[in-house]
Amino acid sequence: MTLLLELQNPDNYGSAPEYADFERWASASWLDENDAGAVIRIVGEKEIREMNNRFRGKDTSTNVLSFHYENMPMYAENEHPDSDLDYLGDLIMCLPVIEREAAEQGKQLSQHWAHMVLHGMLHLQGFDHIKEVEADIMEAREIELLRQLGFSNPYELT
């Protein structure tokens, strides 16, 4: 199984994790055996607030937004004719919010980034946390994936 990841950092945030970290975290959360691709875009609070308002009706910044695309190829046929990668969708991640949350919650910054990537990738694969039973399933999966990556349970208070 291959997970092709495109990383976008248009504002060149120097404190963003390295591509290899994003790739490791996203690949750890890819639960399917098929090849697929996804985009992670690192943005500031203005951009994520506008997107959150436009797509979710919430006029506030947030840590991550997930945009799932069903049955869409990763590439146009003329770009990579031999590619059969499915396009999962986009994760829009707000660097200032993620950094602030990690500091406020006393979490290691890399752990919080990993958690947000896993969380977003699970959303792209159909997981949700609107209902309590769904939240329990999603959180258990996040905890297990983070443990496999060497991180502690993000839901335990320290």
Protein backbone atom coordinates (compact mmCIF):
# COMPACT_ATOMS: atom_id res chain seq x y z
CA MET A 1 0.00 0.00 0.00
CA THR A 2 1.18 3.43 -0.92
CA LEU A 3 0.04 6.74 0.47
CA LEU A 4 1.25 9.60 -1.69
CA LEU A 5 1.29 12.80 0.29
CA GLU A 6 1.53 16.32 -1.08
CA LEU A 7 2.56 18.92 1.50
CA GLN A 8 1.74 22.58 0.94
CA ASN A 9 3.20 25.31 3.12
CA PRO A 10 2.48 28.48 1.10
CA ASP A 11 3.47 30.84 3.94
CA ASN A 12 6.75 28.94 4.48
CA TYR A 13 6.21 28.36 8.18
CA GLY A 14 9.66 27.36 9.41
CA SER A 15 8.33 25.72 12.56
CA ALA A 16 6.14 23.25 10.66
CA PRO A 17 7.21 19.60 10.91
CA GLU A 18 9.28 18.06 8.14
CA TYR A 19 7.69 16.27 5.19
CA ALA A 20 9.03 12.93 6.48
CA ASP A 21 7.13 13.42 9.75
CA PHE A 22 3.86 14.18 7.98
CA GLU A 23 4.41 11.20 5.71
CA ARG A 24 5.07 8.86 8.66
CA TRP A 25 2.02 10.07 10.60
CA ALA A 26 -0.34 10.02 7.61
CA SER A 27 0.89 6.59 6.47
CA ALA A 28 0.40 5.17 9.98
CA SER A 29 -3.23 6.21 9.84
CA TRP A 30 -3.91 4.89 6.32
CA LEU A 31 -6.04 1.83 7.04
CA ASP A 32 -6.74 0.63 3.51
CA GLU A 33 -4.62 -1.74 1.42
CA ASN A 34 -5.17 0.29 -1.75
CA ASP A 35 -2.91 3.04 -2.99
CA ALA A 36 -4.13 6.56 -2.33
CA GLY A 37 -3.07 10.17 -2.09
CA ALA A 38 -3.86 13.16 0.09
CA VAL A 39 -2.86 16.80 0.45
CA ILE A 40 -1.85 18.47 3.70
CA ARG A 41 -1.87 22.27 3.60
CA ILE A 42 -0.37 24.30 6.45
CA VAL A 43 -2.14 27.63 6.87
CA GLY A 44 -2.54 30.57 9.24
CA GLU A 45 -5.55 31.55 11.31
CA LYS A 46 -7.06 33.89 8.72
CA GLU A 47 -7.27 31.21 6.03
CA ILE A 48 -8.60 28.46 8.27
CA ARG A 49 -11.13 30.80 9.87
CA GLU A 50 -12.45 31.77 6.43
CA MET A 51 -12.68 28.10 5.41
CA ASN A 52 -14.31 27.07 8.69
CA ASN A 53 -16.90 29.83 8.25
CA ARG A 54 -17.52 29.06 4.58
CA PHE A 55 -17.78 25.28 4.84
CA ARG A 56 -18.98 24.72 8.41
CA GLY A 57 -20.70 27.99 9.30
CA LYS A 58 -18.33 28.54 12.24
CA ASP A 59 -16.65 31.95 12.33
CA THR A 60 -13.64 30.83 14.32
CA SER A 61 -10.23 29.35 13.67
CA THR A 62 -9.70 25.64 14.29
CA ASN A 63 -6.80 23.19 14.32
CA VAL A 64 -7.66 20.98 11.32
CA LEU A 65 -10.31 20.74 8.63
CA SER A 66 -10.79 17.59 6.57
CA PHE A 67 -12.23 17.62 3.06
CA HIS A 68 -12.98 14.11 1.79
CA TYR A 69 -13.25 13.42 -1.93
CA GLU A 70 -14.93 10.20 -3.03
CA ASN A 71 -14.03 8.31 -6.17
CA MET A 72 -11.66 10.91 -7.48
CA PRO A 73 -8.29 10.04 -9.03
CA MET A 74 -5.22 11.68 -7.53
CA TYR A 75 -4.03 12.81 -10.96
CA ALA A 76 -5.69 13.73 -14.21
CA GLU A 77 -5.31 10.87 -16.67
CA ASN A 78 -2.97 12.87 -18.90
CA GLU A 79 -0.66 13.79 -15.97
CA HIS A 80 0.17 10.26 -14.82
CA PRO A 81 -1.59 7.75 -17.09
CA ASP A 82 -0.25 4.72 -15.19
CA SER A 83 -1.38 6.02 -11.79
CA ASP A 84 -4.45 4.49 -10.20
CA LEU A 85 -4.14 6.38 -6.92
CA ASP A 86 -7.43 7.37 -5.35
CA TYR A 87 -7.56 10.89 -3.96
CA LEU A 88 -8.66 10.83 -0.32
CA GLY A 89 -8.90 14.57 0.10
CA ASP A 90 -7.30 17.53 1.83
CA LEU A 91 -6.27 18.27 5.39
CA ILE A 92 -6.06 21.97 6.13
CA MET A 93 -3.95 22.41 9.26
CA CYS A 94 -3.56 25.68 11.16
CA LEU A 95 -0.03 26.00 12.48
CA PRO A 96 -0.68 28.80 15.00
CA VAL A 97 -3.69 26.99 16.52
CA ILE A 98 -1.87 23.66 16.74
CA GLU A 99 1.16 25.28 18.37
CA ARG A 100 -1.01 27.23 20.81
CA GLU A 101 -3.06 24.15 21.76
CA ALA A 102 0.06 22.08 22.39
CA ALA A 103 1.42 24.77 24.72
CA GLU A 104 -1.92 25.26 26.53
CA GLN A 105 -2.38 21.51 26.98
CA GLY A 106 1.22 20.88 28.02
CA LYS A 107 1.76 18.47 25.14
CA GLN A 108 4.87 17.79 23.15
CA LEU A 109 4.45 19.75 19.90
CA SER A 110 5.33 16.78 17.65
CA GLN A 111 2.77 14.63 19.48
CA HIS A 112 0.03 17.19 18.90
CA TRP A 113 0.93 17.51 15.21
CA ALA A 114 0.89 13.72 14.88
CA HIS A 115 -2.48 13.55 16.64
CA MET A 116 -4.00 16.20 14.37
CA VAL A 117 -2.70 14.43 11.24
CA LEU A 118 -4.07 11.08 12.45
CA HIS A 119 -7.36 12.72 13.40
CA GLY A 120 -7.72 14.36 9.99
CA MET A 121 -6.70 11.23 8.10
CA LEU A 122 -9.28 9.19 10.00
CA HIS A 123 -11.93 11.73 8.99
CA LEU A 124 -10.87 11.28 5.35
CA GLN A 125 -11.51 7.56 5.81
CA GLY A 126 -15.02 8.01 7.19
CA PHE A 127 -14.45 8.18 10.95
CA ASP A 128 -16.39 10.80 12.86
CA HIS A 129 -17.00 11.96 16.43
CA ILE A 130 -20.43 13.57 16.31
CA LYS A 131 -22.14 10.75 18.21
CA GLU A 132 -20.60 9.47 21.43
CA VAL A 133 -20.23 5.90 20.17
CA GLU A 134 -18.47 7.18 17.02
CA ALA A 135 -16.21 9.40 19.13
CA ASP A 136 -15.25 6.44 21.32
CA ILE A 137 -14.29 4.38 18.26
CA MET A 138 -12.34 7.22 16.67
CA GLU A 139 -10.52 8.13 19.89
CA ALA A 140 -9.57 4.50 20.53
CA ARG A 141 -8.09 4.30 17.04
CA GLU A 142 -6.18 7.56 17.55
CA ILE A 143 -4.81 6.37 20.89
CA GLU A 144 -3.64 3.07 19.39
CA LEU A 145 -2.03 4.72 16.34
CA LEU A 146 -0.27 7.29 18.51
CA ARG A 147 0.97 4.50 20.80
CA GLN A 148 2.40 2.70 17.76
CA LEU A 149 4.21 5.93 16.86
CA GLY A 150 5.65 6.20 20.37
CA PHE A 151 3.31 8.87 21.73
CA SER A 152 1.14 8.81 24.85
CA ASN A 153 -2.64 9.01 25.05
CA PRO A 154 -3.60 12.60 24.14
CA TYR A 155 -6.87 12.33 26.05
CA GLU A 156 -5.30 11.61 29.45
CA LEU A 157 -4.91 14.65 31.62
CA THR A 158 -1.38 15.25 32.83
